[in-house]
PDB file of N, CA and C in Angstrom:
ATOM      1  N   MET A   1       8.794  13.165   1.680  1.00  0.00           N
ATOM      2  CA  MET A   1       9.723  12.393   2.560  1.00  0.00           C
ATOM      3  C   MET A   1       9.107  11.993   3.591  1.00  0.00           C
ATOM      4  N   VAL A   2       8.668  10.665   4.218  1.00  0.00           N
ATOM      5  CA  VAL A   2       8.038  10.710   5.403  1.00  0.00           C
ATOM      6  C   VAL A   2       8.487  10.141   6.408  1.00  0.00           C
ATOM      7  N   LEU A   3       8.664  11.120   7.694  1.00  0.00           N
ATOM      8  CA  LEU A   3       9.112  10.496   8.677  1.00  0.00           C
ATOM      9  C   LEU A   3       8.601   9.467   9.817  1.00  0.00           C
ATOM     10  N   ARG A   4       9.400   8.989  10.013  1.00  0.00           N
ATOM     11  CA  ARG A   4       8.505   7.738  11.420  1.00  0.00           C
ATOM     12  C   ARG A   4       8.481   8.717  12.732  1.00  0.00           C
ATOM     13  N   ASP A   5       7.801   8.593  13.477  1.00  0.00           N
ATOM     14  CA  ASP A   5       7.329   9.417  14.780  1.00  0.00           C
ATOM     15  C   ASP A   5       8.106   8.705  16.312  1.00  0.00           C
ATOM     16  N   ARG A   6       8.402   7.836  16.150  1.00  0.00           N
ATOM     17  CA  ARG A   6       8.815   7.414  16.971  1.00  0.00           C
ATOM     18  C   ARG A   6      10.864   7.088  16.874  1.00  0.00           C
ATOM     19  N   GLU A   7      11.223   7.149  15.398  1.00  0.00           N
ATOM     20  CA  GLU A   7      12.344   7.138  14.987  1.00  0.00           C
ATOM     21  C   GLU A   7      13.224   8.508  14.715  1.00  0.00           C
ATOM     22  N   SER A   8      12.311   9.191  13.937  1.00  0.00           N
ATOM     23  CA  SER A   8      12.474  10.364  13.354  1.00  0.00           C
ATOM     24  C   SER A   8      13.996  10.071  12.096  1.00  0.00           C
ATOM     25  N   LYS A   9      13.744   8.821  11.543  1.00  0.00           N
ATOM     26  CA  LYS A   9      14.358   8.393  10.064  1.00  0.00           C
ATOM     27  C   LYS A   9      13.323   8.525   9.428  1.00  0.00           C
ATOM     28  N   PRO A  10      13.749   8.596   7.754  1.00  0.00           N
ATOM     29  CA  PRO A  10      12.971   8.722   7.248  1.00  0.00           C
ATOM     30  C   PRO A  10      12.575   7.593   6.636  1.00  0.00           C
ATOM     31  N   MET A  11      11.277   7.452   6.159  1.00  0.00           N
ATOM     32  CA  MET A  11      10.793   5.777   5.882  1.00  0.00           C
ATOM     33  C   MET A  11      10.891   5.596   4.523  1.00  0.00           C
ATOM     34  N   ARG A  12      11.217   4.792   4.145  1.00  0.00           N
ATOM     35  CA  ARG A  12      11.991   3.853   2.778  1.00  0.00           C
ATOM     36  C   ARG A  12      10.176   3.471   1.936  1.00  0.00           C
ATOM     37  N   GLU A  13      10.556   4.106   0.958  1.00  0.00           N
ATOM     38  CA  GLU A  13       8.987   3.780  -0.167  1.00  0.00           C
ATOM     39  C   GLU A  13       8.731   2.526   0.149  1.00  0.00           C
ATOM     40  N   LEU A  14       9.757   1.572  -0.078  1.00  0.00           N
ATOM     41  CA  LEU A  14       9.583   0.208   0.161  1.00  0.00           C
ATOM     42  C   LEU A  14       8.880  -0.324   1.439  1.00  0.00           C
ATOM     43  N   ASP A  15       8.991   0.469   2.860  1.00  0.00           N
ATOM     44  CA  ASP A  15       8.284   0.056   3.917  1.00  0.00           C
ATOM     45  C   ASP A  15       7.149   0.552   3.594  1.00  0.00           C
ATOM     46  N   LEU A  16       6.877   2.114   3.401  1.00  0.00           N
ATOM     47  CA  LEU A  16       5.680   2.570   2.791  1.00  0.00           C
ATOM     48  C   LEU A  16       4.809   1.603   2.355  1.00  0.00           C
ATOM     49  N   GLU A  17       5.096   1.114   1.350  1.00  0.00           N
ATOM     50  CA  GLU A  17       4.207   0.542   0.331  1.00  0.00           C
ATOM     51  C   GLU A  17       3.862  -0.766   0.878  1.00  0.00           C
ATOM     52  N   ARG A  18       4.729  -1.396   1.772  1.00  0.00           N
ATOM     53  CA  ARG A  18       4.411  -2.413   2.162  1.00  0.00           C
ATOM     54  C   ARG A  18       3.464  -2.502   3.843  1.00  0.00           C
ATOM     55  N   TYR A  19       3.583  -1.002   4.290  1.00  0.00           N
ATOM     56  CA  TYR A  19       2.676  -0.595   5.389  1.00  0.00           C
ATOM     57  C   TYR A  19       1.049  -0.536   4.433  1.00  0.00           C
ATOM     58  N   ARG A  20       1.096   0.222   3.406  1.00  0.00           N
ATOM     59  CA  ARG A  20      -0.244   0.018   2.830  1.00  0.00           C
ATOM     60  C   ARG A  20      -0.959  -1.153   2.400  1.00  0.00           C
ATOM     61  N   ALA A  21       0.081  -1.967   2.061  1.00  0.00           N
ATOM     62  CA  ALA A  21      -0.324  -3.094   1.279  1.00  0.00           C
ATOM     63  C   ALA A  21      -0.613  -3.900   2.850  1.00  0.00           C
ATOM     64  N   ARG A  22      -0.213  -3.983   3.733  1.00  0.00           N
ATOM     65  CA  ARG A  22      -0.825  -4.798   5.147  1.00  0.00           C
ATOM     66  C   ARG A  22      -2.079  -4.436   5.366  1.00  0.00           C
ATOM     67  N   TYR A  23      -1.955  -3.042   6.083  1.00  0.00           N
ATOM     68  CA  TYR A  23      -3.466  -2.602   6.480  1.00  0.00           C
ATOM     69  C   TYR A  23      -3.963  -2.435   5.347  1.00  0.00           C
ATOM     70  N   GLY A  24      -3.720  -2.211   4.011  1.00  0.00           N
ATOM     71  CA  GLY A  24      -5.180  -2.409   3.126  1.00  0.00           C
ATOM     72  C   GLY A  24      -5.640  -3.690   3.127  1.00  0.00           C
ATOM     73  N   LEU A  25      -5.032  -4.598   3.073  1.00  0.00           N
ATOM     74  CA  LEU A  25      -5.595  -5.958   3.214  1.00  0.00           C
ATOM     75  C   LEU A  25      -6.210  -6.259   4.244  1.00  0.00           C
ATOM     76  N   GLN A  26      -5.805  -5.628   5.421  1.00  0.00           N
ATOM     77  CA  GLN A  26      -6.424  -6.199   7.092  1.00  0.00           C
ATOM     78  C   GLN A  26      -7.535  -4.890   6.798  1.00  0.00           C
ATOM     79  N   ALA A  27      -7.659  -4.238   6.315  1.00  0.00           N
ATOM     80  CA  ALA A  27      -8.927  -4.010   6.580  1.00  0.00           C
ATOM     81  C   ALA A  27     -10.378  -4.305   5.813  1.00  0.00           C
ATOM     82  N   VAL A  28      -9.595  -4.561   4.130  1.00  0.00           N
ATOM     83  CA  VAL A  28     -10.707  -5.165   3.892  1.00  0.00           C
ATOM     84  C   VAL A  28     -10.997  -7.096   4.138  1.00  0.00           C
ATOM     85  N   LEU A  29     -10.145  -7.497   5.021  1.00  0.00           N
ATOM     86  CA  LEU A  29     -10.075  -8.571   5.676  1.00  0.00           C
ATOM     87  C   LEU A  29     -11.556  -8.720   6.815  1.00  0.00           C
ATOM     88  N   LEU A  30     -11.223  -7.476   7.650  1.00  0.00           N
ATOM     89  CA  LEU A  30     -12.133  -6.580   8.629  1.00  0.00           C
ATOM     90  C   LEU A  30     -13.342  -6.863   7.988  1.00  0.00           C
ATOM     91  N   SER A  31     -13.482  -6.091   7.094  1.00  0.00           N
ATOM     92  CA  SER A  31     -14.714  -5.620   6.447  1.00  0.00           C
ATOM     93  C   SER A  31     -15.495  -7.067   6.291  1.00  0.00           C
ATOM     94  N   ASN A  32     -14.798  -7.911   5.516  1.00  0.00           N
ATOM     95  CA  ASN A  32     -15.673  -8.895   5.253  1.00  0.00           C
ATOM     96  C   ASN A  32     -15.968  -9.689   6.208  1.00  0.00           C
ATOM     97  N   LEU A  33     -15.196  -9.760   7.112  1.00  0.00           N
ATOM     98  CA  LEU A  33     -15.337 -10.854   8.459  1.00  0.00           C
ATOM     99  C   LEU A  33     -16.807 -10.040   8.928  1.00  0.00           C
ATOM    100  N   ALA A  34     -16.920  -9.211   9.167  1.00  0.00           N
ATOM    101  CA  ALA A  34     -17.691  -7.632   9.614  1.00  0.00           C
ATOM    102  C   ALA A  34     -19.325  -8.003   9.146  1.00  0.00           C
ATOM    103  N   ILE A  35     -19.228  -8.358   7.732  1.00  0.00           N
ATOM    104  CA  ILE A  35     -20.098  -8.705   6.521  1.00  0.00           C
ATOM    105  C   ILE A  35     -20.694 -10.167   6.901  1.00  0.00           C
ATOM    106  N   ALA A  36     -19.616 -11.154   6.914  1.00  0.00           N
ATOM    107  CA  ALA A  36     -20.406 -12.297   7.248  1.00  0.00           C
ATOM    108  C   ALA A  36     -20.806 -12.698   8.905  1.00  0.00           C
ATOM    109  N   VAL A  37     -20.318 -12.181  10.002  1.00  0.00           N
ATOM    110  CA  VAL A  37     -20.664 -12.111  11.118  1.00  0.00           C
ATOM    111  C   VAL A  37     -21.895 -11.274  10.892  1.00  0.00           C
ATOM    112  N   VAL A  38     -22.317 -10.320  10.415  1.00  0.00           N
ATOM    113  CA  VAL A  38     -23.445  -9.819   9.943  1.00  0.00           C
ATOM    114  C   VAL A  38     -24.818 -10.684   9.807  1.00  0.00           C
ATOM    115  N   ALA A  39     -24.254 -11.299   8.463  1.00  0.00           N
ATOM    116  CA  ALA A  39     -25.236 -12.109   7.892  1.00  0.00           C
ATOM    117  C   ALA A  39     -25.755 -13.454   8.672  1.00  0.00           C
ATOM    118  N   ILE A  40     -24.283 -14.063   8.993  1.00  0.00           N
ATOM    119  CA  ILE A  40     -24.914 -15.293   9.912  1.00  0.00           C
ATOM    120  C   ILE A  40     -25.984 -14.824  11.187  1.00  0.00           C
ATOM    121  N   PHE A  41     -25.436 -13.465  11.542  1.00  0.00           N
ATOM    122  CA  PHE A  41     -26.895 -13.103  12.938  1.00  0.00           C
ATOM    123  C   PHE A  41     -27.930 -13.071  12.362  1.00  0.00           C
ATOM    124  N   GLY A  42     -28.048 -12.585  11.136  1.00  0.00           N
ATOM    125  CA  GLY A  42     -29.096 -12.235  10.462  1.00  0.00           C
ATOM    126  C   GLY A  42     -29.917 -13.696  10.124  1.00  0.00           C
ATOM    127  N   VAL A  43     -29.263 -14.323   9.579  1.00  0.00           N
ATOM    128  CA  VAL A  43     -30.114 -15.757   9.402  1.00  0.00           C
ATOM    129  C   VAL A  43     -30.166 -16.661  10.646  1.00  0.00           C
ATOM    130  N   TRP A  44     -29.459 -16.332  11.334  1.00  0.00           N
ATOM    131  CA  TRP A  44     -29.902 -16.918  12.998  1.00  0.00           C
ATOM    132  C   TRP A  44     -31.123 -16.791  13.161  1.00  0.00           C
ATOM    133  N   ARG A  45     -31.293 -15.209  13.424  1.00  0.00           N
ATOM    134  CA  ARG A  45     -32.759 -14.725  13.957  1.00  0.00           C
ATOM    135  C   ARG A  45     -33.553 -14.504  12.607  1.00  0.00           C
ATOM    136  N   LEU A  46     -33.642 -15.230  11.880  1.00  0.00           N
ATOM    137  CA  LEU A  46     -34.687 -15.037  10.999  1.00  0.00           C
ATOM    138  C   LEU A  46     -35.809 -16.127  11.328  1.00  0.00           C
ATOM    139  N   ASP A  47     -35.065 -17.428  12.060  1.00  0.00           N
ATOM    140  CA  ASP A  47     -35.719 -18.239  12.295  1.00  0.00           C
ATOM    141  C   ASP A  47     -36.282 -18.918  10.651  1.00  0.00           C
ATOM    142  N   GLY A  48     -35.749 -19.601   9.929  1.00  0.00           N
ATOM    143  CA  GLY A  48     -35.694 -20.561   8.802  1.00  0.00           C
ATOM    144  C   GLY A  48     -37.178 -19.744   7.717  1.00  0.00           C
ATOM    145  N   ASP A  49     -37.288 -18.468   7.321  1.00  0.00           N
ATOM    146  CA  ASP A  49     -37.868 -17.873   6.393  1.00  0.00           C
ATOM    147  C   ASP A  49     -36.644 -17.847   5.446  1.00  0.00           C
ATOM    148  N   LYS A  50     -36.611 -18.675   4.200  1.00  0.00           N
ATOM    149  CA  LYS A  50     -35.938 -19.070   3.354  1.00  0.00           C
ATOM    150  C   LYS A  50     -35.543 -18.164   2.285  1.00  0.00           C
ATOM    151  N   SER A  51     -36.963 -17.621   1.897  1.00  0.00           N
ATOM    152  CA  SER A  51     -36.829 -16.334   0.731  1.00  0.00           C
ATOM    153  C   SER A  51     -35.989 -15.187   1.449  1.00  0.00           C
ATOM    154  N   VAL A  52     -35.888 -14.943   3.125  1.00  0.00           N
ATOM    155  CA  VAL A  52     -35.359 -13.513   3.205  1.00  0.00           C
ATOM    156  C   VAL A  52     -33.525 -14.122   3.796  1.00  0.00           C
ATOM    157  N   ILE A  53     -33.708 -15.408   3.918  1.00  0.00           N
ATOM    158  CA  ILE A  53     -32.336 -16.129   4.475  1.00  0.00           C
ATOM    159  C   ILE A  53     -31.599 -16.157   2.943  1.00  0.00           C
ATOM    160  N   ILE A  54     -31.825 -16.380   1.841  1.00  0.00           N
ATOM    161  CA  ILE A  54     -30.929 -16.320   0.517  1.00  0.00           C
ATOM    162  C   ILE A  54     -31.187 -15.131   0.076  1.00  0.00           C
ATOM    163  N   GLY A  55     -31.646 -14.003   0.550  1.00  0.00           N
ATOM    164  CA  GLY A  55     -31.724 -12.645   0.037  1.00  0.00           C
ATOM    165  C   GLY A  55     -30.368 -12.195   1.116  1.00  0.00           C
ATOM    166  N   VAL A  56     -30.452 -12.230   2.177  1.00  0.00           N
ATOM    167  CA  VAL A  56     -29.449 -11.809   3.159  1.00  0.00           C
ATOM    168  C   VAL A  56     -28.067 -12.459   2.325  1.00  0.00           C
ATOM    169  N   LEU A  57     -27.849 -13.986   2.260  1.00  0.00           N
ATOM    170  CA  LEU A  57     -26.538 -14.079   2.268  1.00  0.00           C
ATOM    171  C   LEU A  57     -26.278 -14.119   0.570  1.00  0.00           C
ATOM    172  N   THR A  58     -27.534 -13.508  -0.136  1.00  0.00           N
ATOM    173  CA  THR A  58     -26.910 -13.022  -1.329  1.00  0.00           C
ATOM    174  C   THR A  58     -26.540 -11.787  -1.088  1.00  0.00           C
ATOM    175  N   ALA A  59     -26.806 -11.167  -0.616  1.00  0.00           N
ATOM    176  CA  ALA A  59     -26.288  -9.505  -0.235  1.00  0.00           C
ATOM    177  C   ALA A  59     -25.236  -9.580   0.431  1.00  0.00           C
ATOM    178  N   ALA A  60     -24.814 -10.439   1.184  1.00  0.00           N
ATOM    179  CA  ALA A  60     -23.732 -10.690   2.411  1.00  0.00           C
ATOM    180  C   ALA A  60     -22.152 -11.182   1.137  1.00  0.00           C
ATOM    181  N   PHE A  61     -22.913 -11.949   0.095  1.00  0.00           N
ATOM    182  CA  PHE A  61     -21.877 -12.476  -0.603  1.00  0.00           C
ATOM    183  C   PHE A  61     -21.713 -11.422  -2.149  1.00  0.00           C
ATOM    184  N   THR A  62     -22.286 -10.909  -2.440  1.00  0.00           N
ATOM    185  CA  THR A  62     -22.111  -9.836  -3.099  1.00  0.00           C
ATOM    186  C   THR A  62     -21.473  -8.814  -2.335  1.00  0.00           C
ATOM    187  N   ALA A  63     -21.487  -8.456  -1.441  1.00  0.00           N
ATOM    188  CA  ALA A  63     -20.684  -7.142  -1.002  1.00  0.00           C
ATOM    189  C   ALA A  63     -19.018  -7.339  -0.454  1.00  0.00           C
ATOM    190  N   VAL A  64     -19.102  -8.939  -0.108  1.00  0.00           N
ATOM    191  CA  VAL A  64     -17.796  -9.269   0.020  1.00  0.00           C
ATOM    192  C   VAL A  64     -16.710  -9.322  -1.127  1.00  0.00           C
ATOM    193  N   SER A  65     -17.609  -9.806  -2.238  1.00  0.00           N
ATOM    194  CA  SER A  65     -16.986 -10.131  -3.851  1.00  0.00           C
ATOM    195  C   SER A  65     -16.775  -9.032  -4.543  1.00  0.00           C
ATOM    196  N   THR A  66     -17.180  -7.791  -3.841  1.00  0.00           N
ATOM    197  CA  THR A  66     -17.454  -6.490  -3.857  1.00  0.00           C
ATOM    198  C   THR A  66     -16.258  -5.830  -3.607  1.00  0.00           C
ATOM    199  N   MET A  67     -16.198  -5.988  -2.229  1.00  0.00           N
ATOM    200  CA  MET A  67     -15.554  -4.964  -1.792  1.00  0.00           C
ATOM    201  C   MET A  67     -13.674  -5.697  -1.923  1.00  0.00           C
ATOM    202  N   THR A  68     -13.319  -7.323  -2.048  1.00  0.00           N
ATOM    203  CA  THR A  68     -12.423  -7.494  -2.337  1.00  0.00           C
ATOM    204  C   THR A  68     -11.891  -7.512  -4.081  1.00  0.00           C
ATOM    205  N   THR A  69     -12.645  -7.903  -4.450  1.00  0.00           N
ATOM    206  CA  THR A  69     -12.808  -7.429  -6.044  1.00  0.00           C
ATOM    207  C   THR A  69     -11.969  -5.739  -6.252  1.00  0.00           C
ATOM    208  N   ALA A  70     -12.657  -4.835  -5.545  1.00  0.00           N
ATOM    209  CA  ALA A  70     -12.316  -3.234  -5.613  1.00  0.00           C
ATOM    210  C   ALA A  70     -10.897  -3.071  -4.815  1.00  0.00           C
ATOM    211  N   TYR A  71     -10.742  -3.994  -4.253  1.00  0.00           N
ATOM    212  CA  TYR A  71      -9.080  -3.870  -3.062  1.00  0.00           C
ATOM    213  C   TYR A  71      -8.283  -4.184  -3.999  1.00  0.00           C
ATOM    214  N   LEU A  72      -8.503  -5.690  -4.926  1.00  0.00           N
ATOM    215  CA  LEU A  72      -7.559  -5.935  -5.302  1.00  0.00           C
ATOM    216  C   LEU A  72      -7.129  -5.597  -7.379  1.00  0.00           C
ATOM    217  N   GLY A  73      -8.354  -4.858  -7.708  1.00  0.00           N
ATOM    218  CA  GLY A  73      -8.123  -4.010  -8.390  1.00  0.00           C
ATOM    219  C   GLY A  73      -7.531  -2.605  -8.271  1.00  0.00           C
ATOM    220  N   ILE A  74      -7.697  -2.263  -7.099  1.00  0.00           N
ATOM    221  CA  ILE A  74      -6.967  -0.738  -7.119  1.00  0.00           C
ATOM    222  C   ILE A  74      -5.319  -0.870  -6.713  1.00  0.00           C
ATOM    223  N   LYS A  75      -5.336  -2.157  -6.148  1.00  0.00           N
ATOM    224  CA  LYS A  75      -4.040  -2.505  -6.160  1.00  0.00           C
ATOM    225  C   LYS A  75      -2.998  -3.077  -7.654  1.00  0.00           C
ATOM    226  N   ALA A  76      -3.778  -3.746  -8.231  1.00  0.00           N
ATOM    227  CA  ALA A  76      -3.183  -3.743  -9.401  1.00  0.00           C
ATOM    228  C   ALA A  76      -2.965  -2.615 -10.375  1.00  0.00           C
ATOM    229  N   VAL A  77      -3.669  -1.742 -10.295  1.00  0.00           N
ATOM    230  CA  VAL A  77      -3.747  -0.402 -10.860  1.00  0.00           C
ATOM    231  C   VAL A  77      -2.600   0.044 -10.569  1.00  0.00           C
ATOM    232  N   SER A  78      -2.350   0.582  -8.995  1.00  0.00           N
ATOM    233  CA  SER A  78      -1.512   1.408  -8.183  1.00  0.00           C
ATOM    234  C   SER A  78      -0.092   0.557  -8.791  1.00  0.00           C
ATOM    235  N   ASN A  79      -0.144  -1.100  -9.142  1.00  0.00           N
ATOM    236  CA  ASN A  79       1.346  -1.559  -8.809  1.00  0.00           C
ATOM    237  C   ASN A  79       1.645  -0.887 -10.569  1.00  0.00           C
ATOM    238  N   THR A  80       0.593  -1.523 -11.422  1.00  0.00           N
ATOM    239  CA  THR A  80       1.342  -0.874 -12.379  1.00  0.00           C
ATOM    240  C   THR A  80       1.639   0.723 -12.651  1.00  0.00           C
ATOM    241  N   ALA A  81       0.861   1.326 -12.243  1.00  0.00           N
ATOM    242  CA  ALA A  81       1.320   3.018 -12.385  1.00  0.00           C
ATOM    243  C   ALA A  81       2.586   3.172 -11.987  1.00  0.00           C
ATOM    244  N   LYS A  82       2.822   2.670 -10.682  1.00  0.00           N
ATOM    245  CA  LYS A  82       4.080   2.668 -10.139  1.00  0.00           C
ATOM    246  C   LYS A  82       5.257   2.225 -11.033  1.00  0.00           C
ATOM    247  N   ALA A  83       5.345   0.576 -11.349  1.00  0.00           N
ATOM    248  CA  ALA A  83       5.881   0.652 -12.152  1.00  0.00           C
ATOM    249  C   ALA A  83       6.180   0.897 -13.785  1.00  0.00           C
ATOM    250  N   MET A  84       5.252   1.391 -14.010  1.00  0.00           N
ATOM    251  CA  MET A  84       5.335   2.842 -15.384  1.00  0.00           C
ATOM    252  C   MET A  84       6.170   3.869 -15.387  1.00  0.00           C
ATOM    253  N   ALA A  85       5.957   4.433 -13.831  1.00  0.00           N
ATOM    254  CA  ALA A  85       6.548   5.458 -13.538  1.00  0.00           C
ATOM    255  C   ALA A  85       8.112   5.147 -12.982  1.00  0.00           C
ATOM    256  N   GLN A  86       8.384   4.214 -12.546  1.00  0.00           N
ATOM    257  CA  GLN A  86       9.744   3.815 -12.888  1.00  0.00           C
ATOM    258  C   GLN A  86      10.343   3.365 -13.833  1.00  0.00           C
ATOM    259  N   ALA A  87       9.660   3.199 -15.026  1.00  0.00           N
ATOM    260  CA  ALA A  87      10.566   2.880 -15.990  1.00  0.00           C
ATOM    261  C   ALA A  87      10.673   4.259 -17.132  1.00  0.00           C
ATOM    262  N   ALA A  88       9.701   5.311 -16.754  1.00  0.00           N
ATOM    263  CA  ALA A  88       9.629   5.992 -17.810  1.00  0.00           C
ATOM    264  C   ALA A  88      10.881   6.568 -17.779  1.00  0.00           C
ATOM    265  N   PRO A  89      11.440   7.399 -18.854  1.00  0.00           N
ATOM    266  CA  PRO A  89      12.470   7.958 -18.798  1.00  0.00           C
ATOM    267  C   PRO A  89      12.663   9.300 -17.767  1.00  0.00           C
ATOM    268  N   ARG A  90      13.921   9.682 -17.367  1.00  0.00           N
ATOM    269  CA  ARG A  90      13.592  10.854 -16.532  1.00  0.00           C
ATOM    270  C   ARG A  90      13.708  11.761 -16.795  1.00  0.00           C
ATOM    271  N   ASP A  91      14.557  12.425 -18.663  1.00  0.00           N
ATOM    272  CA  ASP A  91      14.513  13.413 -18.567  1.00  0.00           C
ATOM    273  C   ASP A  91      13.330  13.876 -19.789  1.00  0.00           C
ATOM    274  N   GLN A  92      12.523  14.726 -19.260  1.00  0.00           N
ATOM    275  CA  GLN A  92      11.360  15.062 -20.228  1.00  0.00           C
ATOM    276  C   GLN A  92      11.079  16.461 -20.876  1.00  0.00           C
ATOM    277  N   SER A  93      12.665  16.452 -21.495  1.00  0.00           N
ATOM    278  CA  SER A  93      13.004  17.731 -22.818  1.00  0.00           C
ATOM    279  C   SER A  93      11.805  17.928 -23.600  1.00  0.00           C
ATOM    280  N   PRO A  94      11.319  18.600 -24.035  1.00  0.00           N
ATOM    281  CA  PRO A  94      10.164  18.478 -24.887  1.00  0.00           C
ATOM    282  C   PRO A  94      11.067  18.276 -26.198  1.00  0.00           C
ATOM    283  N   GLN A  95       9.845  17.198 -27.045  1.00  0.00           N
ATOM    284  CA  GLN A  95      10.460  16.888 -28.251  1.00  0.00           C
ATOM    285  C   GLN A  95      10.523  17.932 -29.218  1.00  0.00           C
ATOM    286  N   PRO A  96      10.860  17.970 -30.447  1.00  0.00           N
ATOM    287  CA  PRO A  96      10.767  19.022 -31.618  1.00  0.00           C
ATOM    288  C   PRO A  96       9.586  18.568 -32.187  1.00  0.00           C
ATOM    289  N   ALA A  97       9.106  19.271 -32.529  1.00  0.00           N
ATOM    290  CA  ALA A  97       7.935  19.010 -33.456  1.00  0.00           C
ATOM    291  C   ALA A  97       8.440  18.318 -35.078  1.00  0.00           C
ATOM    292  N   PRO A  98       7.544  17.290 -35.511  1.00  0.00           N
ATOM    293  CA  PRO A  98       8.037  17.076 -36.778  1.00  0.00           C
ATOM    294  C   PRO A  98       7.724  18.322 -37.857  1.00  0.00           C
ATOM    295  N   PRO A  99       8.002  17.944 -38.847  1.00  0.00           N
ATOM    296  CA  PRO A  99       8.361  19.066 -39.909  1.00  0.00           C
ATOM    297  C   PRO A  99       6.740  18.824 -40.386  1.00  0.00           C
ATOM    298  N   GLN A 100       6.205  19.864 -41.017  1.00  0.00           N
ATOM    299  CA  GLN A 100       4.617  19.763 -41.538  1.00  0.00           C
ATOM    300  C   GLN A 100       4.482  19.848 -42.881  1.00  0.00           C
ATOM    301  N   THR A 101       4.413  19.498 -43.538  1.00  0.00           N
ATOM    302  CA  THR A 101       4.565  18.962 -44.783  1.00  0.00           C
ATOM    303  C   THR A 101       2.817  19.805 -45.532  1.00  0.00           C
ATOM    304  N   PRO A 102       3.025  20.557 -46.768  1.00  0.00           N
ATOM    305  CA  PRO A 102       1.955  21.198 -47.011  1.00  0.00           C
ATOM    306  C   PRO A 102       1.053  19.843 -47.639  1.00  0.00           C
ATOM    307  N   THR A 103      -0.235  20.806 -47.541  1.00  0.00           N
ATOM    308  CA  THR A 103      -1.070  19.740 -47.626  1.00  0.00           C
ATOM    309  C   THR A 103      -1.620  20.098 -49.560  1.00  0.00           C
ATOM    310  N   PRO A 104      -1.905  19.415 -50.573  1.00  0.00           N
ATOM    311  CA  PRO A 104      -2.297  19.663 -51.711  1.00  0.00           C
ATOM    312  C   PRO A 104      -3.377  20.495 -51.696  1.00  0.00           C
ATOM    313  N   THR A 105      -3.927  21.114 -52.414  1.00  0.00           N
ATOM    314  CA  THR A 105      -5.243  22.022 -52.415  1.00  0.00           C
ATOM    315  C   THR A 105      -5.942  21.147 -53.844  1.00  0.00           C
ATOM    316  N   PRO A 106      -7.454  21.046 -53.669  1.00  0.00           N
ATOM    317  CA  PRO A 106      -8.085  20.495 -54.760  1.00  0.00           C
ATOM    318  C   PRO A 106      -8.157  21.228 -56.076  1.00  0.00           C
ATOM    319  N   PRO A 107      -7.512  21.168 -57.302  1.00  0.00           N
ATOM    320  CA  PRO A 107      -8.570  21.540 -58.026  1.00  0.00           C
ATOM    321  C   PRO A 107     -10.022  22.242 -58.552  1.00  0.00           C
ATOM    322  N   ALA A 108      -9.710  23.907 -58.503  1.00  0.00           N
ATOM    323  CA  ALA A 108     -11.223  24.390 -58.568  1.00  0.00           C
ATOM    324  C   ALA A 108     -12.055  23.805 -59.676  1.00  0.00           C
ATOM    325  N   PRO A 109     -13.344  23.415 -59.249  1.00  0.00           N
ATOM    326  CA  PRO A 109     -14.271  22.943 -60.506  1.00  0.00           C
ATOM    327  C   PRO A 109     -14.456  23.796 -61.574  1.00  0.00           C
ATOM    328  N   ARG A 110     -14.872  23.090 -62.874  1.00  0.00           N
ATOM    329  CA  ARG A 110     -14.633  23.995 -63.906  1.00  0.00           C
ATOM    330  C   ARG A 110     -15.966  23.932 -63.903  1.00  0.00           C
ATOM    331  N   ASN A 111     -16.008  25.643 -64.777  1.00  0.00           N
ATOM    332  CA  ASN A 111     -17.548  25.699 -65.572  1.00  0.00           C
ATOM    333  C   ASN A 111     -17.425  25.933 -66.965  1.00  0.00           C
ATOM    334  N   SER A 112     -18.744  25.249 -67.127  1.00  0.00           N
ATOM    335  CA  SER A 112     -18.292  24.934 -69.064  1.00  0.00           C
ATOM    336  C   SER A 112     -19.500  25.583 -69.408  1.00  0.00           C
TER     337      SER A 112
END
């Protein structure tokens, strides 16, 4: 159970998930913004060297897409795992083992 600092009331699981989603998305957006600002600054300072500008923009696009895809992938897996855990039966008693059937042994080869 997680306690809030200012209210001393237990935080509900739904509230905690909202905070995680909100601040995770904010972190991704701020990181993407920082990457874009650095890329724009780099392009501005390169004064028209087209091959280097293409490299900077490609690297920035790769970083932004990787960061966003990773966040969305982790969030999707987390939501799926949480849904599966909630849908799982609560009674985790061990199941009896299925009866073993004897396996027939092949006949021994004949010596002629």
